[in-house]
Amino acid sequence: PAEARAAVDPPAGRVPGGGRAGGGLLDPRQLLRSLPD
């Protein structure tokens, strides 16, 4: 039961899926970041 009680709101500044690069599949910024590689 302790785990069920632990299901609280997300910590400040954190969103589900945190840390992953955003942007669409053809996001121009993503293309520019990948251009040097």
All heavy atoms as atom14 arrays in JSON, in Angstrom:
{
  "sequence": "PAEARAAVDPPAGRVPGGGRAGGGLLDPRQLLRSLPD",
  "atom14_mask": [
    [1, 1, 1, 1, 1, 1, 1, 0, 0, 0, 0, 0, 0, 0],
    [1, 1, 1, 1, 1, 0, 0, 0, 0, 0, 0, 0, 0, 0],
    [1, 1, 1, 1, 1, 1, 1, 1, 1, 0, 0, 0, 0, 0],
    [1, 1, 1, 1, 1, 0, 0, 0, 0, 0, 0, 0, 0, 0],
    [1, 1, 1, 1, 1, 1, 1, 1, 1, 1, 1, 0, 0, 0],
    [1, 1, 1, 1, 1, 0, 0, 0, 0, 0, 0, 0, 0, 0],
    [1, 1, 1, 1, 1, 0, 0, 0, 0, 0, 0, 0, 0, 0],
    [1, 1, 1, 1, 1, 1, 1, 0, 0, 0, 0, 0, 0, 0],
    [1, 1, 1, 1, 1, 1, 1, 1, 0, 0, 0, 0, 0, 0],
    [1, 1, 1, 1, 1, 1, 1, 0, 0, 0, 0, 0, 0, 0],
    [1, 1, 1, 1, 1, 1, 1, 0, 0, 0, 0, 0, 0, 0],
    [1, 1, 1, 1, 1, 0, 0, 0, 0, 0, 0, 0, 0, 0],
    [1, 1, 1, 1, 0, 0, 0, 0, 0, 0, 0, 0, 0, 0],
    [1, 1, 1, 1, 1, 1, 1, 1, 1, 1, 1, 0, 0, 0],
    [1, 1, 1, 1, 1, 1, 1, 0, 0, 0, 0, 0, 0, 0],
    [1, 1, 1, 1, 1, 1, 1, 0, 0, 0, 0, 0, 0, 0],
    [1, 1, 1, 1, 0, 0, 0, 0, 0, 0, 0, 0, 0, 0],
    [1, 1, 1, 1, 0, 0, 0, 0, 0, 0, 0, 0, 0, 0],
    [1, 1, 1, 1, 0, 0, 0, 0, 0, 0, 0, 0, 0, 0],
    [1, 1, 1, 1, 1, 1, 1, 1, 1, 1, 1, 0, 0, 0],
    [1, 1, 1, 1, 1, 0, 0, 0, 0, 0, 0, 0, 0, 0],
    [1, 1, 1, 1, 0, 0, 0, 0, 0, 0, 0, 0, 0, 0],
    [1, 1, 1, 1, 0, 0, 0, 0, 0, 0, 0, 0, 0, 0],
    [1, 1, 1, 1, 0, 0, 0, 0, 0, 0, 0, 0, 0, 0],
    [1, 1, 1, 1, 1, 1, 1, 1, 0, 0, 0, 0, 0, 0],
    [1, 1, 1, 1, 1, 1, 1, 1, 0, 0, 0, 0, 0, 0],
    [1, 1, 1, 1, 1, 1, 1, 1, 0, 0, 0, 0, 0, 0],
    [1, 1, 1, 1, 1, 1, 1, 0, 0, 0, 0, 0, 0, 0],
    [1, 1, 1, 1, 1, 1, 1, 1, 1, 1, 1, 0, 0, 0],
    [1, 1, 1, 1, 1, 1, 1, 1, 1, 0, 0, 0, 0, 0],
    [1, 1, 1, 1, 1, 1, 1, 1, 0, 0, 0, 0, 0, 0],
    [1, 1, 1, 1, 1, 1, 1, 1, 0, 0, 0, 0, 0, 0],
    [1, 1, 1, 1, 1, 1, 1, 1, 1, 1, 1, 0, 0, 0],
    [1, 1, 1, 1, 1, 1, 0, 0, 0, 0, 0, 0, 0, 0],
    [1, 1, 1, 1, 1, 1, 1, 1, 0, 0, 0, 0, 0, 0],
    [1, 1, 1, 1, 1, 1, 1, 0, 0, 0, 0, 0, 0, 0],
    [1, 1, 1, 1, 1, 1, 1, 1, 0, 0, 0, 0, 0, 0]
  ],
  "atom14_positions": [
    [[0.8, -1.21, 0.0], [0.0, 0.0, 0.0], [0.84, 1.26, 0.0], [0.41, 2.29, -0.49], [-0.81, -0.13, 1.3], [-0.81, -1.59, 1.61], [0.49, -2.11, 1.11], [0.0, 0.0, 0.0], [0.0, 0.0, 0.0], [0.0, 0.0, 0.0], [0.0, 0.0, 0.0], [0.0, 0.0, 0.0], [0.0, 0.0, 0.0], [0.0, 0.0, 0.0]],
    [[2.05, 1.17, 0.55], [2.88, 2.37, 0.59], [3.18, 2.9, -0.8], [3.26, 4.1, -1.02], [4.19, 2.07, 1.32], [0.0, 0.0, 0.0], [0.0, 0.0, 0.0], [0.0, 0.0, 0.0], [0.0, 0.0, 0.0], [0.0, 0.0, 0.0], [0.0, 0.0, 0.0], [0.0, 0.0, 0.0], [0.0, 0.0, 0.0], [0.0, 0.0, 0.0]],
    [[3.32, 1.98, -1.75], [3.61, 2.43, -3.11], [2.42, 3.15, -3.72], [2.59, 4.12, -4.45], [4.02, 1.24, -3.97], [4.42, 1.67, -5.38], [5.14, 0.59, -6.12], [5.38, -0.47, -5.53], [5.47, 0.81, -7.3], [0.0, 0.0, 0.0], [0.0, 0.0, 0.0], [0.0, 0.0, 0.0], [0.0, 0.0, 0.0], [0.0, 0.0, 0.0]],
    [[1.24, 2.67, -3.43], [0.05, 3.35, -3.95], [-0.05, 4.76, -3.38], [-0.41, 5.71, -4.06], [-1.2, 2.55, -3.59], [0.0, 0.0, 0.0], [0.0, 0.0, 0.0], [0.0, 0.0, 0.0], [0.0, 0.0, 0.0], [0.0, 0.0, 0.0], [0.0, 0.0, 0.0], [0.0, 0.0, 0.0], [0.0, 0.0, 0.0], [0.0, 0.0, 0.0]],
    [[0.32, 4.9, -2.09], [0.27, 6.23, -1.48], [1.35, 7.13, -2.04], [1.26, 8.35, -1.96], [0.44, 6.11, 0.04], [-0.73, 5.42, 0.73], [-0.65, 5.63, 2.23], [0.56, 5.07, 2.82], [0.63, 3.81, 3.27], [-0.42, 3.01, 3.17], [1.75, 3.35, 3.8], [0.0, 0.0, 0.0], [0.0, 0.0, 0.0], [0.0, 0.0, 0.0]],
    [[2.4, 6.5, -2.63], [3.5, 7.3, -3.13], [3.22, 7.91, -4.5], [4.03, 8.64, -5.03], [4.77, 6.46, -3.21], [0.0, 0.0, 0.0], [0.0, 0.0, 0.0], [0.0, 0.0, 0.0], [0.0, 0.0, 0.0], [0.0, 0.0, 0.0], [0.0, 0.0, 0.0], [0.0, 0.0, 0.0], [0.0, 0.0, 0.0], [0.0, 0.0, 0.0]],
    [[2.09, 7.57, -5.11], [1.76, 8.1, -6.44], [1.31, 9.55, -6.3], [0.14, 9.87, -6.24], [0.66, 7.26, -7.08], [0.0, 0.0, 0.0], [0.0, 0.0, 0.0], [0.0, 0.0, 0.0], [0.0, 0.0, 0.0], [0.0, 0.0, 0.0], [0.0, 0.0, 0.0], [0.0, 0.0, 0.0], [0.0, 0.0, 0.0], [0.0, 0.0, 0.0]],
    [[2.26, 10.44, -6.24], [1.98, 11.85, -6.0], [2.18, 12.61, -7.29], [2.51, 12.06, -8.33], [2.92, 12.4, -4.9], [2.62, 11.74, -3.58], [4.37, 12.21, -5.29], [0.0, 0.0, 0.0], [0.0, 0.0, 0.0], [0.0, 0.0, 0.0], [0.0, 0.0, 0.0], [0.0, 0.0, 0.0], [0.0, 0.0, 0.0], [0.0, 0.0, 0.0]],
    [[2.01, 13.95, -7.23], [2.21, 14.78, -8.41], [3.67, 14.74, -8.83], [4.57, 14.54, -8.03], [1.8, 16.22, -8.1], [0.3, 16.33, -7.85], [-0.43, 15.48, -8.4], [-0.12, 17.24, -7.13], [0.0, 0.0, 0.0], [0.0, 0.0, 0.0], [0.0, 0.0, 0.0], [0.0, 0.0, 0.0], [0.0, 0.0, 0.0], [0.0, 0.0, 0.0]],
    [[3.94, 14.98, -10.11], [5.32, 14.96, -10.57], [6.14, 16.02, -9.85], [5.63, 17.09, -9.52], [5.2, 15.3, -12.07], [3.8, 14.95, -12.42], [2.98, 15.2, -11.18], [0.0, 0.0, 0.0], [0.0, 0.0, 0.0], [0.0, 0.0, 0.0], [0.0, 0.0, 0.0], [0.0, 0.0, 0.0], [0.0, 0.0, 0.0], [0.0, 0.0, 0.0]],
    [[7.41, 15.76, -9.59], [8.27, 16.76, -8.98], [8.36, 17.99, -9.86], [8.21, 17.92, -11.07], [9.63, 16.04, -8.89], [9.31, 14.59, -9.01], [8.09, 14.49, -9.84], [0.0, 0.0, 0.0], [0.0, 0.0, 0.0], [0.0, 0.0, 0.0], [0.0, 0.0, 0.0], [0.0, 0.0, 0.0], [0.0, 0.0, 0.0], [0.0, 0.0, 0.0]],
    [[8.63, 19.11, -9.22], [8.72, 20.36, -9.95], [9.79, 20.27, -11.03], [10.88, 19.79, -10.81], [9.05, 21.5, -8.98], [0.0, 0.0, 0.0], [0.0, 0.0, 0.0], [0.0, 0.0, 0.0], [0.0, 0.0, 0.0], [0.0, 0.0, 0.0], [0.0, 0.0, 0.0], [0.0, 0.0, 0.0], [0.0, 0.0, 0.0], [0.0, 0.0, 0.0]],
    [[9.44, 20.8, -12.19], [10.4, 20.81, -13.27], [10.55, 19.5, -14.01], [11.37, 19.38, -14.9], [0.0, 0.0, 0.0], [0.0, 0.0, 0.0], [0.0, 0.0, 0.0], [0.0, 0.0, 0.0], [0.0, 0.0, 0.0], [0.0, 0.0, 0.0], [0.0, 0.0, 0.0], [0.0, 0.0, 0.0], [0.0, 0.0, 0.0], [0.0, 0.0, 0.0]],
    [[9.78, 18.5, -13.64], [9.91, 17.18, -14.28], [8.64, 16.86, -15.03], [7.54, 17.1, -14.55], [10.15, 16.12, -13.2], [10.27, 14.73, -13.73], [11.58, 14.48, -14.4], [12.67, 14.58, -13.44], [13.94, 14.52, -13.78], [14.27, 14.39, -15.04], [14.88, 14.62, -12.86], [0.0, 0.0, 0.0], [0.0, 0.0, 0.0], [0.0, 0.0, 0.0]],
    [[8.76, 16.34, -16.19], [7.58, 15.93, -16.95], [7.76, 14.48, -17.33], [8.88, 13.98, -17.46], [7.4, 16.79, -18.22], [7.11, 18.22, -17.88], [8.63, 16.7, -19.12], [0.0, 0.0, 0.0], [0.0, 0.0, 0.0], [0.0, 0.0, 0.0], [0.0, 0.0, 0.0], [0.0, 0.0, 0.0], [0.0, 0.0, 0.0], [0.0, 0.0, 0.0]],
    [[6.64, 13.76, -17.51], [6.78, 12.37, -17.94], [7.58, 12.28, -19.22], [7.42, 13.08, -20.13], [5.32, 11.93, -18.16], [4.54, 12.82, -17.26], [5.26, 14.13, -17.26], [0.0, 0.0, 0.0], [0.0, 0.0, 0.0], [0.0, 0.0, 0.0], [0.0, 0.0, 0.0], [0.0, 0.0, 0.0], [0.0, 0.0, 0.0], [0.0, 0.0, 0.0]],
    [[8.42, 11.26, -19.27], [9.31, 11.14, -20.42], [10.47, 12.08, -20.36], [11.1, 12.4, -21.34], [0.0, 0.0, 0.0], [0.0, 0.0, 0.0], [0.0, 0.0, 0.0], [0.0, 0.0, 0.0], [0.0, 0.0, 0.0], [0.0, 0.0, 0.0], [0.0, 0.0, 0.0], [0.0, 0.0, 0.0], [0.0, 0.0, 0.0], [0.0, 0.0, 0.0]],
    [[10.76, 12.6, -19.12], [11.74, 13.65, -18.95], [13.08, 13.33, -19.57], [13.57, 12.24, -19.57], [0.0, 0.0, 0.0], [0.0, 0.0, 0.0], [0.0, 0.0, 0.0], [0.0, 0.0, 0.0], [0.0, 0.0, 0.0], [0.0, 0.0, 0.0], [0.0, 0.0, 0.0], [0.0, 0.0, 0.0], [0.0, 0.0, 0.0], [0.0, 0.0, 0.0]],
    [[13.68, 14.39, -20.1], [15.03, 14.26, -20.6], [15.15, 13.9, -22.05], [16.22, 13.95, -22.61], [0.0, 0.0, 0.0], [0.0, 0.0, 0.0], [0.0, 0.0, 0.0], [0.0, 0.0, 0.0], [0.0, 0.0, 0.0], [0.0, 0.0, 0.0], [0.0, 0.0, 0.0], [0.0, 0.0, 0.0], [0.0, 0.0, 0.0], [0.0, 0.0, 0.0]],
    [[14.07, 13.56, -22.7], [14.18, 13.13, -24.09], [14.11, 14.34, -25.01], [13.41, 15.3, -24.76], [13.07, 12.13, -24.44], [13.28, 10.81, -23.73], [12.43, 9.72, -24.39], [12.69, 8.47, -23.73], [12.04, 8.07, -22.65], [11.11, 8.81, -22.13], [12.33, 6.92, -22.08], [0.0, 0.0, 0.0], [0.0, 0.0, 0.0], [0.0, 0.0, 0.0]],
    [[14.82, 14.21, -26.06], [14.83, 15.27, -27.04], [13.47, 15.41, -27.66], [12.82, 14.48, -28.04], [15.88, 14.99, -28.11], [0.0, 0.0, 0.0], [0.0, 0.0, 0.0], [0.0, 0.0, 0.0], [0.0, 0.0, 0.0], [0.0, 0.0, 0.0], [0.0, 0.0, 0.0], [0.0, 0.0, 0.0], [0.0, 0.0, 0.0], [0.0, 0.0, 0.0]],
    [[13.0, 16.65, -27.73], [11.69, 16.86, -28.32], [11.8, 17.22, -29.78], [12.8, 17.07, -30.43], [0.0, 0.0, 0.0], [0.0, 0.0, 0.0], [0.0, 0.0, 0.0], [0.0, 0.0, 0.0], [0.0, 0.0, 0.0], [0.0, 0.0, 0.0], [0.0, 0.0, 0.0], [0.0, 0.0, 0.0], [0.0, 0.0, 0.0], [0.0, 0.0, 0.0]],
    [[10.72, 17.8, -30.29], [10.74, 18.19, -31.69], [10.2, 17.13, -32.59], [10.23, 15.96, -32.33], [0.0, 0.0, 0.0], [0.0, 0.0, 0.0], [0.0, 0.0, 0.0], [0.0, 0.0, 0.0], [0.0, 0.0, 0.0], [0.0, 0.0, 0.0], [0.0, 0.0, 0.0], [0.0, 0.0, 0.0], [0.0, 0.0, 0.0], [0.0, 0.0, 0.0]],
    [[9.64, 17.57, -33.71], [9.1, 16.63, -34.66], [10.19, 15.92, -35.43], [11.38, 16.17, -35.28], [0.0, 0.0, 0.0], [0.0, 0.0, 0.0], [0.0, 0.0, 0.0], [0.0, 0.0, 0.0], [0.0, 0.0, 0.0], [0.0, 0.0, 0.0], [0.0, 0.0, 0.0], [0.0, 0.0, 0.0], [0.0, 0.0, 0.0], [0.0, 0.0, 0.0]],
    [[9.76, 15.0, -36.29], [10.72, 14.2, -37.03], [11.52, 15.04, -38.02], [12.64, 14.71, -38.36], [9.99, 13.07, -37.76], [9.37, 12.01, -36.85], [8.56, 11.04, -37.7], [10.43, 11.27, -36.08], [0.0, 0.0, 0.0], [0.0, 0.0, 0.0], [0.0, 0.0, 0.0], [0.0, 0.0, 0.0], [0.0, 0.0, 0.0], [0.0, 0.0, 0.0]],
    [[10.95, 16.14, -38.49], [11.67, 17.03, -39.39], [11.79, 18.41, -38.77], [11.7, 19.42, -39.45], [10.96, 17.09, -40.75], [11.21, 15.89, -41.66], [10.44, 16.05, -42.96], [12.68, 15.71, -41.94], [0.0, 0.0, 0.0], [0.0, 0.0, 0.0], [0.0, 0.0, 0.0], [0.0, 0.0, 0.0], [0.0, 0.0, 0.0], [0.0, 0.0, 0.0]],
    [[11.98, 18.47, -37.47], [12.22, 19.72, -36.78], [13.49, 20.35, -37.34], [14.57, 19.74, -37.28], [12.38, 19.44, -35.28], [12.53, 20.72, -34.47], [12.71, 21.78, -35.1], [12.49, 20.64, -33.23], [0.0, 0.0, 0.0], [0.0, 0.0, 0.0], [0.0, 0.0, 0.0], [0.0, 0.0, 0.0], [0.0, 0.0, 0.0], [0.0, 0.0, 0.0]],
    [[13.41, 21.56, -37.92], [14.62, 22.17, -38.51], [15.77, 22.27, -37.52], [16.93, 22.1, -37.89], [14.12, 23.56, -38.94], [12.64, 23.39, -39.14], [12.22, 22.38, -38.12], [0.0, 0.0, 0.0], [0.0, 0.0, 0.0], [0.0, 0.0, 0.0], [0.0, 0.0, 0.0], [0.0, 0.0, 0.0], [0.0, 0.0, 0.0], [0.0, 0.0, 0.0]],
    [[15.46, 22.53, -36.24], [16.53, 22.62, -35.25], [17.23, 21.27, -35.09], [18.44, 21.21, -34.9], [15.97, 23.09, -33.91], [15.47, 24.53, -33.93], [14.74, 24.87, -32.66], [13.56, 24.03, -32.49], [12.74, 24.09, -31.45], [12.98, 24.95, -30.47], [11.68, 23.31, -31.38], [0.0, 0.0, 0.0], [0.0, 0.0, 0.0], [0.0, 0.0, 0.0]],
    [[16.46, 20.2, -35.14], [17.05, 18.88, -35.02], [17.94, 18.57, -36.22], [19.02, 17.98, -36.09], [15.94, 17.84, -34.9], [16.43, 16.45, -34.52], [15.28, 15.5, -34.28], [14.11, 15.88, -34.4], [15.59, 14.27, -33.94], [0.0, 0.0, 0.0], [0.0, 0.0, 0.0], [0.0, 0.0, 0.0], [0.0, 0.0, 0.0], [0.0, 0.0, 0.0]],
    [[17.51, 18.98, -37.42], [18.32, 18.78, -38.61], [19.62, 19.57, -38.53], [20.69, 19.08, -38.88], [17.54, 19.19, -39.85], [16.35, 18.3, -40.24], [15.59, 18.91, -41.4], [16.82, 16.9, -40.59], [0.0, 0.0, 0.0], [0.0, 0.0, 0.0], [0.0, 0.0, 0.0], [0.0, 0.0, 0.0], [0.0, 0.0, 0.0], [0.0, 0.0, 0.0]],
    [[19.53, 20.8, -38.02], [20.73, 21.63, -37.9], [21.69, 21.06, -36.87], [22.91, 21.07, -37.06], [20.34, 23.07, -37.51], [19.63, 23.9, -38.61], [19.19, 25.25, -38.06], [20.58, 24.09, -39.79], [0.0, 0.0, 0.0], [0.0, 0.0, 0.0], [0.0, 0.0, 0.0], [0.0, 0.0, 0.0], [0.0, 0.0, 0.0], [0.0, 0.0, 0.0]],
    [[21.15, 20.52, -35.75], [22.02, 19.93, -34.73], [22.72, 18.68, -35.27], [23.83, 18.37, -34.85], [21.2, 19.56, -33.49], [20.79, 20.74, -32.63], [20.28, 20.25, -31.28], [19.11, 19.4, -31.42], [17.86, 19.83, -31.35], [17.62, 21.12, -31.16], [16.84, 19.01, -31.46], [0.0, 0.0, 0.0], [0.0, 0.0, 0.0], [0.0, 0.0, 0.0]],
    [[22.06, 17.98, -36.19], [22.63, 16.74, -36.71], [23.55, 16.98, -37.9], [24.29, 16.07, -38.3], [21.5, 15.79, -37.13], [20.64, 15.5, -36.04], [0.0, 0.0, 0.0], [0.0, 0.0, 0.0], [0.0, 0.0, 0.0], [0.0, 0.0, 0.0], [0.0, 0.0, 0.0], [0.0, 0.0, 0.0], [0.0, 0.0, 0.0], [0.0, 0.0, 0.0]],
    [[23.51, 18.19, -38.47], [24.29, 18.47, -39.68], [25.8, 18.28, -39.47], [26.47, 17.67, -40.33], [23.99, 19.88, -40.18], [24.58, 20.25, -41.54], [24.1, 19.26, -42.61], [24.2, 21.68, -41.92], [0.0, 0.0, 0.0], [0.0, 0.0, 0.0], [0.0, 0.0, 0.0], [0.0, 0.0, 0.0], [0.0, 0.0, 0.0], [0.0, 0.0, 0.0]],
    [[26.4, 18.76, -38.36], [27.85, 18.52, -38.17], [28.2, 17.03, -38.16], [29.23, 16.63, -38.73], [28.14, 19.19, -36.82], [27.08, 20.23, -36.67], [25.85, 19.64, -37.3], [0.0, 0.0, 0.0], [0.0, 0.0, 0.0], [0.0, 0.0, 0.0], [0.0, 0.0, 0.0], [0.0, 0.0, 0.0], [0.0, 0.0, 0.0], [0.0, 0.0, 0.0]],
    [[27.36, 16.21, -37.51], [27.61, 14.77, -37.5], [27.52, 14.2, -38.91], [28.3, 13.31, -39.29], [26.61, 14.06, -36.59], [26.89, 14.3, -35.12], [28.05, 14.61, -34.79], [25.95, 14.2, -34.31], [0.0, 0.0, 0.0], [0.0, 0.0, 0.0], [0.0, 0.0, 0.0], [0.0, 0.0, 0.0], [0.0, 0.0, 0.0], [0.0, 0.0, 0.0]]
  ]
}
